[in-house]
Amino acid sequence: MIFCRRRECPAGRVTVFDMPLSCLKWRVKNFTTSDIYVSVDAFAEQNNMRIAPGGEDVVVDRDPQTGTRKTCRRIAIYAAAAGEVEIVCG
């Protein structure tokens, strides 16, 4: 089963995706016209991943002490410009 959410993200605000199940890694696709910044759980100004417009990347949550993968179900997105963002488990 594929878990996917696609939402409109407003410009200059953080949008939180609460997924129905936790997953080891999430594929994030940026359909906006500008960069988006992605964090696991709550949005972190100092610890996020930038995805260019039209791009996609995989987000993996890791324990900062051990580097061990963790499962997560909440992804926070900051969009520089309004547009759609898609998150897919796997």
N, C-alpha and C. Protein backbone atom coordinates (compact mmCIF):
# COMPACT_ATOMS: atom_id res chain seq x y z
N MET A 1 0.83 -1.17 0.00
CA MET A 1 0.00 0.00 0.00
C MET A 1 0.88 1.25 0.00
N ILE A 2 0.52 2.24 -0.79
CA ILE A 2 1.27 3.48 -0.88
C ILE A 2 0.56 4.55 -0.06
N PHE A 3 1.31 5.26 0.76
CA PHE A 3 0.76 6.37 1.50
C PHE A 3 1.27 7.65 0.87
N CYS A 4 0.35 8.46 0.39
CA CYS A 4 0.71 9.67 -0.34
C CYS A 4 -0.21 10.81 0.08
N ARG A 5 0.38 11.99 0.24
CA ARG A 5 -0.40 13.20 0.50
C ARG A 5 0.14 14.30 -0.41
N ARG A 6 -0.76 15.03 -1.00
CA ARG A 6 -0.39 16.17 -1.84
C ARG A 6 -1.22 17.35 -1.38
N ARG A 7 -0.54 18.43 -0.99
CA ARG A 7 -1.23 19.59 -0.43
C ARG A 7 -0.68 20.88 -0.99
N GLU A 8 -1.52 21.90 -0.96
CA GLU A 8 -1.12 23.25 -1.31
C GLU A 8 -0.42 23.85 -0.09
N CYS A 9 0.78 24.37 -0.28
CA CYS A 9 1.54 24.99 0.80
C CYS A 9 1.59 26.50 0.55
N PRO A 10 1.18 27.32 1.52
CA PRO A 10 1.22 28.77 1.34
C PRO A 10 2.65 29.29 1.41
N ALA A 11 2.91 30.41 0.77
CA ALA A 11 4.25 31.01 0.76
C ALA A 11 4.59 31.58 2.13
N GLY A 12 5.82 31.34 2.57
CA GLY A 12 6.32 31.94 3.80
C GLY A 12 5.80 31.35 5.09
N ARG A 13 5.16 30.18 5.02
CA ARG A 13 4.64 29.53 6.23
C ARG A 13 5.02 28.06 6.24
N VAL A 14 5.02 27.48 7.44
CA VAL A 14 5.32 26.06 7.59
C VAL A 14 4.01 25.28 7.49
N THR A 15 4.01 24.23 6.67
CA THR A 15 2.88 23.32 6.55
C THR A 15 3.33 21.97 7.07
N VAL A 16 2.53 21.40 7.98
CA VAL A 16 2.89 20.10 8.57
C VAL A 16 2.02 19.02 7.94
N PHE A 17 2.67 17.97 7.45
CA PHE A 17 1.99 16.80 6.92
C PHE A 17 1.99 15.73 8.01
N ASP A 18 0.82 15.37 8.51
CA ASP A 18 0.69 14.27 9.46
C ASP A 18 0.24 13.05 8.68
N MET A 19 1.14 12.10 8.50
CA MET A 19 0.85 10.92 7.70
C MET A 19 0.15 9.86 8.54
N PRO A 20 -0.63 8.96 7.92
CA PRO A 20 -1.40 7.97 8.68
C PRO A 20 -0.53 6.90 9.34
N LEU A 21 0.62 6.59 8.78
CA LEU A 21 1.54 5.61 9.36
C LEU A 21 2.95 6.16 9.32
N SER A 22 3.81 5.64 10.17
CA SER A 22 5.21 6.05 10.15
C SER A 22 5.96 5.26 9.07
N CYS A 23 7.06 5.83 8.63
CA CYS A 23 7.83 5.23 7.54
C CYS A 23 9.32 5.52 7.78
N LEU A 24 10.20 4.67 7.26
CA LEU A 24 11.64 4.90 7.41
C LEU A 24 12.13 6.03 6.52
N LYS A 25 11.55 6.17 5.33
CA LYS A 25 11.97 7.24 4.44
C LYS A 25 10.78 7.75 3.65
N TRP A 26 10.83 9.05 3.35
CA TRP A 26 9.75 9.72 2.63
C TRP A 26 10.31 10.42 1.40
N ARG A 27 9.64 10.27 0.26
CA ARG A 27 10.02 10.99 -0.96
C ARG A 27 9.19 12.26 -1.01
N VAL A 28 9.88 13.40 -1.10
CA VAL A 28 9.22 14.70 -1.12
C VAL A 28 9.41 15.32 -2.50
N LYS A 29 8.31 15.70 -3.15
CA LYS A 29 8.34 16.32 -4.48
C LYS A 29 7.86 17.76 -4.39
N ASN A 30 8.62 18.65 -4.99
CA ASN A 30 8.33 20.08 -4.96
C ASN A 30 7.69 20.51 -6.28
N PHE A 31 6.41 20.87 -6.25
CA PHE A 31 5.72 21.37 -7.43
C PHE A 31 5.56 22.88 -7.40
N THR A 32 6.22 23.57 -6.45
CA THR A 32 6.14 25.02 -6.37
C THR A 32 7.11 25.64 -7.36
N THR A 33 7.11 26.98 -7.43
CA THR A 33 8.01 27.70 -8.35
C THR A 33 9.27 28.18 -7.65
N SER A 34 9.47 27.80 -6.39
CA SER A 34 10.64 28.21 -5.63
C SER A 34 11.10 27.06 -4.73
N ASP A 35 12.16 27.29 -3.97
CA ASP A 35 12.69 26.26 -3.06
C ASP A 35 11.71 25.95 -1.94
N ILE A 36 11.77 24.70 -1.46
CA ILE A 36 11.09 24.33 -0.22
C ILE A 36 12.16 23.79 0.73
N TYR A 37 11.87 23.85 2.02
CA TYR A 37 12.78 23.37 3.05
C TYR A 37 12.02 22.36 3.90
N VAL A 38 12.64 21.19 4.10
CA VAL A 38 11.95 20.04 4.70
C VAL A 38 12.65 19.63 5.99
N SER A 39 11.86 19.41 7.04
CA SER A 39 12.35 18.88 8.31
C SER A 39 11.45 17.74 8.74
N VAL A 40 12.03 16.83 9.51
CA VAL A 40 11.26 15.74 10.10
C VAL A 40 10.71 16.23 11.43
N ASP A 41 9.46 15.91 11.72
CA ASP A 41 8.75 16.32 12.93
C ASP A 41 8.52 17.83 12.89
N ALA A 42 9.00 18.58 13.85
CA ALA A 42 8.81 20.04 13.86
C ALA A 42 9.83 20.69 12.92
N PHE A 43 9.47 21.83 12.33
CA PHE A 43 10.40 22.50 11.42
C PHE A 43 11.59 23.04 12.21
N ALA A 44 12.80 22.76 11.72
CA ALA A 44 14.04 23.20 12.37
C ALA A 44 14.78 24.16 11.43
N GLU A 45 14.97 25.41 11.86
CA GLU A 45 15.65 26.41 11.04
C GLU A 45 17.08 25.98 10.69
N GLN A 46 17.75 25.29 11.62
CA GLN A 46 19.15 24.93 11.42
C GLN A 46 19.36 23.52 10.87
N ASN A 47 18.29 22.74 10.78
CA ASN A 47 18.43 21.35 10.34
C ASN A 47 17.29 21.01 9.39
N ASN A 48 17.49 21.37 8.12
CA ASN A 48 16.46 21.08 7.12
C ASN A 48 17.13 20.78 5.79
N MET A 49 16.35 20.29 4.86
CA MET A 49 16.85 19.93 3.53
C MET A 49 16.16 20.82 2.51
N ARG A 50 16.94 21.39 1.59
CA ARG A 50 16.38 22.24 0.54
C ARG A 50 16.11 21.40 -0.69
N ILE A 51 14.93 21.60 -1.28
CA ILE A 51 14.58 20.94 -2.53
C ILE A 51 14.21 22.03 -3.54
N ALA A 52 14.88 22.03 -4.67
CA ALA A 52 14.68 23.04 -5.71
C ALA A 52 13.31 22.87 -6.37
N PRO A 53 12.81 23.93 -7.02
CA PRO A 53 11.52 23.82 -7.71
C PRO A 53 11.54 22.72 -8.77
N GLY A 54 10.50 21.91 -8.79
CA GLY A 54 10.43 20.81 -9.75
C GLY A 54 11.25 19.60 -9.36
N GLY A 55 11.95 19.67 -8.23
CA GLY A 55 12.81 18.57 -7.80
C GLY A 55 12.15 17.67 -6.76
N GLU A 56 12.87 16.62 -6.42
CA GLU A 56 12.42 15.69 -5.39
C GLU A 56 13.63 15.10 -4.70
N ASP A 57 13.42 14.64 -3.46
CA ASP A 57 14.49 14.01 -2.71
C ASP A 57 13.88 13.12 -1.64
N VAL A 58 14.72 12.29 -1.02
CA VAL A 58 14.27 11.37 0.02
C VAL A 58 14.72 11.90 1.37
N VAL A 59 13.78 11.92 2.32
CA VAL A 59 14.05 12.36 3.69
C VAL A 59 14.10 11.13 4.58
N VAL A 60 15.18 11.02 5.36
CA VAL A 60 15.34 9.90 6.29
C VAL A 60 15.58 10.48 7.68
N ASP A 61 14.81 10.06 8.67
CA ASP A 61 14.99 10.51 10.04
C ASP A 61 16.04 9.63 10.70
N ARG A 62 17.03 10.25 11.33
CA ARG A 62 18.10 9.51 12.01
C ARG A 62 18.29 10.05 13.42
N ASP A 63 18.65 9.16 14.34
CA ASP A 63 18.99 9.56 15.69
C ASP A 63 20.31 10.32 15.65
N PRO A 64 20.39 11.54 16.20
CA PRO A 64 21.62 12.33 16.11
C PRO A 64 22.82 11.73 16.84
N GLN A 65 22.60 10.91 17.88
CA GLN A 65 23.71 10.32 18.63
C GLN A 65 24.27 9.07 17.94
N THR A 66 23.40 8.22 17.42
CA THR A 66 23.85 6.94 16.89
C THR A 66 23.81 6.85 15.37
N GLY A 67 23.05 7.73 14.73
CA GLY A 67 22.90 7.65 13.28
C GLY A 67 21.91 6.58 12.84
N THR A 68 21.27 5.93 13.80
CA THR A 68 20.30 4.88 13.50
C THR A 68 19.04 5.48 12.89
N ARG A 69 18.51 4.81 11.86
CA ARG A 69 17.26 5.27 11.26
C ARG A 69 16.11 5.13 12.23
N LYS A 70 15.21 6.12 12.18
CA LYS A 70 14.00 6.07 12.98
C LYS A 70 12.81 6.17 12.02
N THR A 71 11.67 5.73 12.47
CA THR A 71 10.47 5.93 11.66
C THR A 71 9.80 7.22 12.11
N CYS A 72 9.20 7.91 11.18
CA CYS A 72 8.51 9.15 11.51
C CYS A 72 7.21 9.21 10.73
N ARG A 73 6.31 10.06 11.19
CA ARG A 73 5.04 10.22 10.49
C ARG A 73 4.68 11.68 10.30
N ARG A 74 5.54 12.60 10.73
CA ARG A 74 5.28 14.03 10.59
C ARG A 74 6.43 14.69 9.82
N ILE A 75 6.07 15.40 8.75
CA ILE A 75 7.04 16.12 7.92
C ILE A 75 6.60 17.58 7.87
N ALA A 76 7.54 18.50 8.13
CA ALA A 76 7.24 19.93 8.10
C ALA A 76 7.90 20.55 6.86
N ILE A 77 7.13 21.34 6.13
CA ILE A 77 7.59 21.96 4.89
C ILE A 77 7.47 23.48 5.01
N TYR A 78 8.56 24.20 4.71
CA TYR A 78 8.51 25.65 4.57
C TYR A 78 8.65 25.95 3.08
N ALA A 79 7.65 26.61 2.50
CA ALA A 79 7.67 26.92 1.07
C ALA A 79 7.94 28.41 0.88
N ALA A 80 8.93 28.72 0.03
CA ALA A 80 9.24 30.12 -0.27
C ALA A 80 8.17 30.73 -1.18
N ALA A 81 7.54 29.92 -2.02
CA ALA A 81 6.44 30.36 -2.89
C ALA A 81 5.29 29.37 -2.76
N ALA A 82 4.08 29.84 -2.92
CA ALA A 82 2.92 28.96 -2.80
C ALA A 82 2.91 27.93 -3.91
N GLY A 83 2.44 26.74 -3.58
CA GLY A 83 2.32 25.67 -4.57
C GLY A 83 2.14 24.32 -3.90
N GLU A 84 2.04 23.28 -4.73
CA GLU A 84 1.80 21.93 -4.21
C GLU A 84 3.10 21.22 -3.85
N VAL A 85 2.99 20.41 -2.80
CA VAL A 85 4.08 19.54 -2.36
C VAL A 85 3.47 18.16 -2.15
N GLU A 86 4.20 17.12 -2.58
CA GLU A 86 3.72 15.74 -2.44
C GLU A 86 4.70 14.96 -1.59
N ILE A 87 4.17 14.15 -0.68
CA ILE A 87 4.99 13.28 0.17
C ILE A 87 4.49 11.86 0.02
N VAL A 88 5.42 10.94 -0.27
CA VAL A 88 5.09 9.54 -0.51
C VAL A 88 5.98 8.66 0.36
N CYS A 89 5.41 7.66 1.01
CA CYS A 89 6.19 6.71 1.79
C CYS A 89 6.99 5.82 0.85
N GLY A 90 8.27 5.67 1.15
CA GLY A 90 9.07 4.73 0.38
C GLY A 90 10.15 5.34 -0.34
